[in-house]
PDB file of N, CA and C in Angstrom:
ATOM      1  N   MET A   1     -98.659  11.523 108.714  1.00  0.00           N
ATOM      2  CA  MET A   1     -98.197  12.203 107.519  1.00  0.00           C
ATOM      3  C   MET A   1     -99.432  12.679 106.756  1.00  0.00           C
ATOM      4  N   ASP A   2     -99.428  13.949 106.353  1.00  0.00           N
ATOM      5  CA  ASP A   2    -100.600  14.449 105.638  1.00  0.00           C
ATOM      6  C   ASP A   2    -100.636  13.876 104.217  1.00  0.00           C
ATOM      7  N   ASN A   3    -101.830  13.938 103.631  1.00  0.00           N
ATOM      8  CA  ASN A   3    -102.035  13.305 102.325  1.00  0.00           C
ATOM      9  C   ASN A   3    -101.167  13.879 101.216  1.00  0.00           C
ATOM     10  N   SER A   4    -100.937  15.190 101.234  1.00  0.00           N
ATOM     11  CA  SER A   4    -100.143  15.779 100.150  1.00  0.00           C
ATOM     12  C   SER A   4     -98.691  15.292 100.205  1.00  0.00           C
ATOM     13  N   ARG A   5     -98.143  15.181 101.395  1.00  0.00           N
ATOM     14  CA  ARG A   5     -96.771  14.666 101.520  1.00  0.00           C
ATOM     15  C   ARG A   5     -96.703  13.185 101.156  1.00  0.00           C
ATOM     16  N   LYS A   6     -97.696  12.451 101.618  1.00  0.00           N
ATOM     17  CA  LYS A   6     -97.732  11.027 101.311  1.00  0.00           C
ATOM     18  C   LYS A   6     -97.859  10.813  99.804  1.00  0.00           C
ATOM     19  N   THR A   7     -98.724  11.572  99.167  1.00  0.00           N
ATOM     20  CA  THR A   7     -98.906  11.470  97.721  1.00  0.00           C
ATOM     21  C   THR A   7     -97.619  11.824  96.990  1.00  0.00           C
ATOM     22  N   ALA A   8     -96.959  12.887  97.432  1.00  0.00           N
ATOM     23  CA  ALA A   8     -95.704  13.308  96.801  1.00  0.00           C
ATOM     24  C   ALA A   8     -94.622  12.238  96.975  1.00  0.00           C
ATOM     25  N   LEU A   9     -94.517  11.667  98.166  1.00  0.00           N
ATOM     26  CA  LEU A   9     -93.515  10.621  98.402  1.00  0.00           C
ATOM     27  C   LEU A   9     -93.797   9.368  97.576  1.00  0.00           C
ATOM     28  N   LEU A  10     -95.063   9.011  97.464  1.00  0.00           N
ATOM     29  CA  LEU A  10     -95.415   7.842  96.658  1.00  0.00           C
ATOM     30  C   LEU A  10     -95.113   8.080  95.182  1.00  0.00           C
ATOM     31  N   ALA A  11     -95.388   9.291  94.700  1.00  0.00           N
ATOM     32  CA  ALA A  11     -95.080   9.629  93.307  1.00  0.00           C
ATOM     33  C   ALA A  11     -93.571   9.596  93.078  1.00  0.00           C
ATOM     34  N   TYR A  12     -92.829  10.145  94.033  1.00  0.00           N
ATOM     35  CA  TYR A  12     -91.364  10.136  93.938  1.00  0.00           C
ATOM     36  C   TYR A  12     -90.842   8.703  93.946  1.00  0.00           C
ATOM     37  N   GLN A  13     -91.384   7.892  94.824  1.00  0.00           N
ATOM     38  CA  GLN A  13     -90.955   6.502  94.922  1.00  0.00           C
ATOM     39  C   GLN A  13     -91.251   5.753  93.621  1.00  0.00           C
ATOM     40  N   THR A  14     -92.403   5.989  93.040  1.00  0.00           N
ATOM     41  CA  THR A  14     -92.766   5.346  91.779  1.00  0.00           C
ATOM     42  C   THR A  14     -91.813   5.759  90.660  1.00  0.00           C
ATOM     43  N   ALA A  15     -91.548   7.058  90.556  1.00  0.00           N
ATOM     44  CA  ALA A  15     -90.636   7.560  89.522  1.00  0.00           C
ATOM     45  C   ALA A  15     -89.222   7.018  89.734  1.00  0.00           C
ATOM     46  N   LEU A  16     -88.785   6.987  90.976  1.00  0.00           N
ATOM     47  CA  LEU A  16     -87.446   6.491  91.288  1.00  0.00           C
ATOM     48  C   LEU A  16     -87.336   4.998  90.983  1.00  0.00           C
ATOM     49  N   ASN A  17     -88.390   4.276  91.265  1.00  0.00           N
ATOM     50  CA  ASN A  17     -88.421   2.849  90.960  1.00  0.00           C
ATOM     51  C   ASN A  17     -88.310   2.615  89.458  1.00  0.00           C
ATOM     52  N   GLN A  18     -89.020   3.404  88.665  1.00  0.00           N
ATOM     53  CA  GLN A  18     -88.940   3.287  87.206  1.00  0.00           C
ATOM     54  C   GLN A  18     -87.527   3.611  86.724  1.00  0.00           C
ATOM     55  N   TYR A  19     -86.943   4.661  87.286  1.00  0.00           N
ATOM     56  CA  TYR A  19     -85.578   5.043  86.929  1.00  0.00           C
ATOM     57  C   TYR A  19     -84.607   3.909  87.266  1.00  0.00           C
ATOM     58  N   TYR A  20     -84.780   3.306  88.429  1.00  0.00           N
ATOM     59  CA  TYR A  20     -83.919   2.206  88.860  1.00  0.00           C
ATOM     60  C   TYR A  20     -84.001   1.035  87.880  1.00  0.00           C
ATOM     61  N   LEU A  21     -85.209   0.688  87.474  1.00  0.00           N
ATOM     62  CA  LEU A  21     -85.378  -0.429  86.546  1.00  0.00           C
ATOM     63  C   LEU A  21     -84.728  -0.134  85.195  1.00  0.00           C
ATOM     64  N   ILE A  22     -84.935   1.079  84.693  1.00  0.00           N
ATOM     65  CA  ILE A  22     -84.332   1.470  83.415  1.00  0.00           C
ATOM     66  C   ILE A  22     -82.811   1.473  83.525  1.00  0.00           C
ATOM     67  N   LEU A  23     -82.302   2.044  84.595  1.00  0.00           N
ATOM     68  CA  LEU A  23     -80.854   2.097  84.800  1.00  0.00           C
ATOM     69  C   LEU A  23     -80.261   0.694  84.876  1.00  0.00           C
ATOM     70  N   SER A  24     -80.944  -0.202  85.568  1.00  0.00           N
ATOM     71  CA  SER A  24     -80.465  -1.585  85.680  1.00  0.00           C
ATOM     72  C   SER A  24     -80.448  -2.272  84.320  1.00  0.00           C
ATOM     73  N   GLU A  25     -81.510  -2.082  83.537  1.00  0.00           N
ATOM     74  CA  GLU A  25     -81.572  -2.685  82.207  1.00  0.00           C
ATOM     75  C   GLU A  25     -80.475  -2.134  81.299  1.00  0.00           C
ATOM     76  N   GLU A  26     -80.300  -0.824  81.321  1.00  0.00           N
ATOM     77  CA  GLU A  26     -79.281  -0.200  80.476  1.00  0.00           C
ATOM     78  C   GLU A  26     -77.877  -0.629  80.896  1.00  0.00           C
ATOM     79  N   LEU A  27     -77.660  -0.736  82.189  1.00  0.00           N
ATOM     80  CA  LEU A  27     -76.356  -1.169  82.684  1.00  0.00           C
ATOM     81  C   LEU A  27     -76.051  -2.587  82.213  1.00  0.00           C
ATOM     82  N   GLU A  28     -77.031  -3.449  82.285  1.00  0.00           N
ATOM     83  CA  GLU A  28     -76.846  -4.828  81.823  1.00  0.00           C
ATOM     84  C   GLU A  28     -76.573  -4.856  80.314  1.00  0.00           C
ATOM     85  N   PHE A  29     -77.341  -4.071  79.552  1.00  0.00           N
ATOM     86  CA  PHE A  29     -77.144  -4.004  78.103  1.00  0.00           C
ATOM     87  C   PHE A  29     -75.742  -3.501  77.760  1.00  0.00           C
ATOM     88  N   LEU A  30     -75.323  -2.418  78.414  1.00  0.00           N
ATOM     89  CA  LEU A  30     -74.007  -1.847  78.134  1.00  0.00           C
ATOM     90  C   LEU A  30     -72.879  -2.784  78.541  1.00  0.00           C
ATOM     91  N   ASP A  31     -73.057  -3.472  79.649  1.00  0.00           N
ATOM     92  CA  ASP A  31     -72.033  -4.416  80.096  1.00  0.00           C
ATOM     93  C   ASP A  31     -71.880  -5.559  79.091  1.00  0.00           C
ATOM     94  N   THR A  32     -73.005  -6.055  78.584  1.00  0.00           N
ATOM     95  CA  THR A  32     -72.969  -7.116  77.576  1.00  0.00           C
ATOM     96  C   THR A  32     -72.300  -6.623  76.293  1.00  0.00           C
ATOM     97  N   ALA A  33     -72.665  -5.413  75.869  1.00  0.00           N
ATOM     98  CA  ALA A  33     -72.059  -4.836  74.663  1.00  0.00           C
ATOM     99  C   ALA A  33     -70.559  -4.648  74.855  1.00  0.00           C
ATOM    100  N   TRP A  34     -70.192  -4.187  76.049  1.00  0.00           N
ATOM    101  CA  TRP A  34     -68.771  -3.978  76.323  1.00  0.00           C
ATOM    102  C   TRP A  34     -67.993  -5.286  76.261  1.00  0.00           C
ATOM    103  N   ARG A  35     -68.543  -6.330  76.832  1.00  0.00           N
ATOM    104  CA  ARG A  35     -67.846  -7.625  76.824  1.00  0.00           C
ATOM    105  C   ARG A  35     -67.624  -8.118  75.392  1.00  0.00           C
ATOM    106  N   SER A  36     -68.622  -7.915  74.532  1.00  0.00           N
ATOM    107  CA  SER A  36     -68.482  -8.313  73.125  1.00  0.00           C
ATOM    108  C   SER A  36     -67.414  -7.490  72.426  1.00  0.00           C
ATOM    109  N   LEU A  37     -67.414  -6.190  72.659  1.00  0.00           N
ATOM    110  CA  LEU A  37     -66.441  -5.300  72.036  1.00  0.00           C
ATOM    111  C   LEU A  37     -65.034  -5.564  72.560  1.00  0.00           C
ATOM    112  N   ASP A  38     -64.936  -5.816  73.850  1.00  0.00           N
ATOM    113  CA  ASP A  38     -63.631  -6.018  74.480  1.00  0.00           C
ATOM    114  C   ASP A  38     -62.894  -7.223  73.897  1.00  0.00           C
ATOM    115  N   GLU A  39     -63.654  -8.211  73.440  1.00  0.00           N
ATOM    116  CA  GLU A  39     -63.037  -9.414  72.875  1.00  0.00           C
ATOM    117  C   GLU A  39     -62.294  -9.128  71.569  1.00  0.00           C
ATOM    118  N   VAL A  40     -62.710  -8.102  70.826  1.00  0.00           N
ATOM    119  CA  VAL A  40     -62.107  -7.836  69.517  1.00  0.00           C
ATOM    120  C   VAL A  40     -61.338  -6.517  69.454  1.00  0.00           C
ATOM    121  N   PHE A  41     -61.493  -5.678  70.460  1.00  0.00           N
ATOM    122  CA  PHE A  41     -60.883  -4.351  70.469  1.00  0.00           C
ATOM    123  C   PHE A  41     -59.447  -4.461  70.967  1.00  0.00           C
ATOM    124  N   GLN A  42     -58.472  -3.926  70.184  1.00  0.00           N
ATOM    125  CA  GLN A  42     -57.066  -4.044  70.568  1.00  0.00           C
ATOM    126  C   GLN A  42     -56.330  -2.739  70.302  1.00  0.00           C
ATOM    127  N   GLY A  43     -55.118  -2.624  70.843  1.00  0.00           N
ATOM    128  CA  GLY A  43     -54.265  -1.480  70.586  1.00  0.00           C
ATOM    129  C   GLY A  43     -54.353  -0.420  71.665  1.00  0.00           C
ATOM    130  N   SER A  44     -53.612   0.681  71.454  1.00  0.00           N
ATOM    131  CA  SER A  44     -53.554   1.741  72.467  1.00  0.00           C
ATOM    132  C   SER A  44     -54.889   2.455  72.622  1.00  0.00           C
ATOM    133  N   ALA A  45     -55.619   2.610  71.528  1.00  0.00           N
ATOM    134  CA  ALA A  45     -56.945   3.233  71.630  1.00  0.00           C
ATOM    135  C   ALA A  45     -57.862   2.368  72.489  1.00  0.00           C
ATOM    136  N   ALA A  46     -57.723   1.066  72.347  1.00  0.00           N
ATOM    137  CA  ALA A  46     -58.531   0.143  73.144  1.00  0.00           C
ATOM    138  C   ALA A  46     -58.222   0.295  74.625  1.00  0.00           C
ATOM    139  N   GLU A  47     -56.952   0.448  74.959  1.00  0.00           N
ATOM    140  CA  GLU A  47     -56.567   0.609  76.363  1.00  0.00           C
ATOM    141  C   GLU A  47     -57.140   1.895  76.943  1.00  0.00           C
ATOM    142  N   GLU A  48     -57.073   2.977  76.169  1.00  0.00           N
ATOM    143  CA  GLU A  48     -57.622   4.251  76.633  1.00  0.00           C
ATOM    144  C   GLU A  48     -59.134   4.151  76.788  1.00  0.00           C
ATOM    145  N   PHE A  49     -59.782   3.548  75.812  1.00  0.00           N
ATOM    146  CA  PHE A  49     -61.232   3.402  75.857  1.00  0.00           C
ATOM    147  C   PHE A  49     -61.657   2.492  77.003  1.00  0.00           C
ATOM    148  N   THR A  50     -60.861   1.461  77.261  1.00  0.00           N
ATOM    149  CA  THR A  50     -61.172   0.532  78.350  1.00  0.00           C
ATOM    150  C   THR A  50     -61.241   1.260  79.689  1.00  0.00           C
ATOM    151  N   GLY A  51     -60.287   2.145  79.940  1.00  0.00           N
ATOM    152  CA  GLY A  51     -60.305   2.912  81.185  1.00  0.00           C
ATOM    153  C   GLY A  51     -61.541   3.779  81.296  1.00  0.00           C
ATOM    154  N   PHE A  52     -61.870   4.466  80.217  1.00  0.00           N
ATOM    155  CA  PHE A  52     -63.070   5.308  80.197  1.00  0.00           C
ATOM    156  C   PHE A  52     -64.314   4.468  80.420  1.00  0.00           C
ATOM    157  N   TRP A  53     -64.413   3.358  79.717  1.00  0.00           N
ATOM    158  CA  TRP A  53     -65.595   2.508  79.795  1.00  0.00           C
ATOM    159  C   TRP A  53     -65.754   1.901  81.191  1.00  0.00           C
ATOM    160  N   THR A  54     -64.657   1.450  81.759  1.00  0.00           N
ATOM    161  CA  THR A  54     -64.694   0.863  83.098  1.00  0.00           C
ATOM    162  C   THR A  54     -65.166   1.887  84.129  1.00  0.00           C
ATOM    163  N   ARG A  55     -64.668   3.114  84.038  1.00  0.00           N
ATOM    164  CA  ARG A  55     -65.105   4.175  84.962  1.00  0.00           C
ATOM    165  C   ARG A  55     -66.588   4.492  84.772  1.00  0.00           C
ATOM    166  N   THR A  56     -67.029   4.536  83.523  1.00  0.00           N
ATOM    167  CA  THR A  56     -68.432   4.835  83.241  1.00  0.00           C
ATOM    168  C   THR A  56     -69.341   3.761  83.821  1.00  0.00           C
ATOM    169  N   LEU A  57     -68.991   2.503  83.605  1.00  0.00           N
ATOM    170  CA  LEU A  57     -69.794   1.415  84.165  1.00  0.00           C
ATOM    171  C   LEU A  57     -69.811   1.468  85.692  1.00  0.00           C
ATOM    172  N   ALA A  58     -68.675   1.774  86.296  1.00  0.00           N
ATOM    173  CA  ALA A  58     -68.604   1.870  87.758  1.00  0.00           C
ATOM    174  C   ALA A  58     -69.482   3.010  88.268  1.00  0.00           C
ATOM    175  N   GLU A  59     -69.474   4.145  87.568  1.00  0.00           N
ATOM    176  CA  GLU A  59     -70.312   5.275  87.971  1.00  0.00           C
ATOM    177  C   GLU A  59     -71.794   4.938  87.836  1.00  0.00           C
ATOM    178  N   MET A  60     -72.155   4.234  86.771  1.00  0.00           N
ATOM    179  CA  MET A  60     -73.553   3.827  86.604  1.00  0.00           C
ATOM    180  C   MET A  60     -73.971   2.864  87.709  1.00  0.00           C
ATOM    181  N   GLU A  61     -73.096   1.935  88.049  1.00  0.00           N
ATOM    182  CA  GLU A  61     -73.401   0.983  89.123  1.00  0.00           C
ATOM    183  C   GLU A  61     -73.521   1.705  90.462  1.00  0.00           C
ATOM    184  N   ASP A  62     -72.636   2.655  90.729  1.00  0.00           N
ATOM    185  CA  ASP A  62     -72.728   3.449  91.959  1.00  0.00           C
ATOM    186  C   ASP A  62     -74.052   4.196  92.016  1.00  0.00           C
ATOM    187  N   SER A  63     -74.443   4.760  90.899  1.00  0.00           N
ATOM    188  CA  SER A  63     -75.703   5.494  90.819  1.00  0.00           C
ATOM    189  C   SER A  63     -76.877   4.561  91.106  1.00  0.00           C
ATOM    190  N   ARG A  64     -76.833   3.382  90.519  1.00  0.00           N
ATOM    191  CA  ARG A  64     -77.899   2.399  90.736  1.00  0.00           C
ATOM    192  C   ARG A  64     -77.984   2.003  92.212  1.00  0.00           C
ATOM    193  N   LEU A  65     -76.843   1.815  92.845  1.00  0.00           N
ATOM    194  CA  LEU A  65     -76.824   1.448  94.263  1.00  0.00           C
ATOM    195  C   LEU A  65     -77.357   2.573  95.145  1.00  0.00           C
ATOM    196  N   GLU A  66     -77.048   3.813  94.797  1.00  0.00           N
ATOM    197  CA  GLU A  66     -77.564   4.959  95.560  1.00  0.00           C
ATOM    198  C   GLU A  66     -79.082   5.058  95.431  1.00  0.00           C
ATOM    199  N   VAL A  67     -79.595   4.817  94.234  1.00  0.00           N
ATOM    200  CA  VAL A  67     -81.047   4.831  94.036  1.00  0.00           C
ATOM    201  C   VAL A  67     -81.683   3.733  94.884  1.00  0.00           C
ATOM    202  N   GLN A  68     -81.047   2.564  94.925  1.00  0.00           N
ATOM    203  CA  GLN A  68     -81.575   1.465  95.739  1.00  0.00           C
ATOM    204  C   GLN A  68     -81.607   1.843  97.216  1.00  0.00           C
ATOM    205  N   LYS A  69     -80.599   2.549  97.692  1.00  0.00           N
ATOM    206  CA  LYS A  69     -80.580   2.997  99.091  1.00  0.00           C
ATOM    207  C   LYS A  69     -81.753   3.938  99.373  1.00  0.00           C
ATOM    208  N   ILE A  70     -82.009   4.851  98.446  1.00  0.00           N
ATOM    209  CA  ILE A  70     -83.125   5.791  98.625  1.00  0.00           C
ATOM    210  C   ILE A  70     -84.446   5.033  98.626  1.00  0.00           C
ATOM    211  N   LEU A  71     -84.598   4.080  97.718  1.00  0.00           N
ATOM    212  CA  LEU A  71     -85.829   3.289  97.676  1.00  0.00           C
ATOM    213  C   LEU A  71     -86.017   2.504  98.975  1.00  0.00           C
ATOM    214  N   ASN A  72     -84.944   1.928  99.497  1.00  0.00           N
ATOM    215  CA  ASN A  72     -85.032   1.208 100.772  1.00  0.00           C
ATOM    216  C   ASN A  72     -85.455   2.145 101.895  1.00  0.00           C
ATOM    217  N   PHE A  73     -84.890   3.349 101.904  1.00  0.00           N
ATOM    218  CA  PHE A  73     -85.251   4.342 102.919  1.00  0.00           C
ATOM    219  C   PHE A  73     -86.731   4.710 102.814  1.00  0.00           C
ATOM    220  N   LEU A  74     -87.205   4.935 101.601  1.00  0.00           N
ATOM    221  CA  LEU A  74     -88.605   5.310 101.411  1.00  0.00           C
ATOM    222  C   LEU A  74     -89.548   4.204 101.876  1.00  0.00           C
ATOM    223  N   GLN A  75     -89.131   2.962 101.711  1.00  0.00           N
ATOM    224  CA  GLN A  75     -89.969   1.849 102.153  1.00  0.00           C
ATOM    225  C   GLN A  75     -90.033   1.753 103.676  1.00  0.00           C
ATOM    226  N   GLU A  76     -89.043   2.311 104.357  1.00  0.00           N
ATOM    227  CA  GLU A  76     -89.012   2.256 105.818  1.00  0.00           C
ATOM    228  C   GLU A  76     -89.841   3.356 106.478  1.00  0.00           C
ATOM    229  N   ILE A  77     -90.273   4.340 105.708  1.00  0.00           N
ATOM    230  CA  ILE A  77     -91.073   5.427 106.282  1.00  0.00           C
ATOM    231  C   ILE A  77     -92.418   4.850 106.702  1.00  0.00           C
ATOM    232  N   PRO A  78     -92.745   4.994 107.970  1.00  0.00           N
ATOM    233  CA  PRO A  78     -94.008   4.422 108.444  1.00  0.00           C
ATOM    234  C   PRO A  78     -95.205   5.165 107.859  1.00  0.00           C
ATOM    235  N   ASP A  79     -96.248   4.416 107.613  1.00  0.00           N
ATOM    236  CA  ASP A  79     -97.490   4.992 107.101  1.00  0.00           C
ATOM    237  C   ASP A  79     -98.348   5.372 108.302  1.00  0.00           C
ATOM    238  N   LYS A  80     -98.396   6.665 108.599  1.00  0.00           N
ATOM    239  CA  LYS A  80     -99.139   7.136 109.774  1.00  0.00           C
ATOM    240  C   LYS A  80    -100.370   7.924 109.359  1.00  0.00           C
ATOM    241  N   SER A  81    -100.994   7.520 108.271  1.00  0.00           N
ATOM    242  CA  SER A  81    -102.176   8.263 107.830  1.00  0.00           C
ATOM    243  C   SER A  81    -103.435   7.640 108.369  1.00  0.00           C
TER     244      SER A  81
END
């Protein structure tokens, strides 16, 4: 692998790793906030919001898992320099 591609992949991997860490932290924060809110939130608005919130958390988790797959793939690329 030539140096420019290797450098670009390493930069991408570093940026993706930072994104993964931030996404994981935010997901944990939002999940904790949601659990606190869910304990006191009631009524039809709560039910509607619960569906929205549950889908949002699921989408964030899916996104985090996809980033992890890409990071795993990048780690498997052999260093042939």
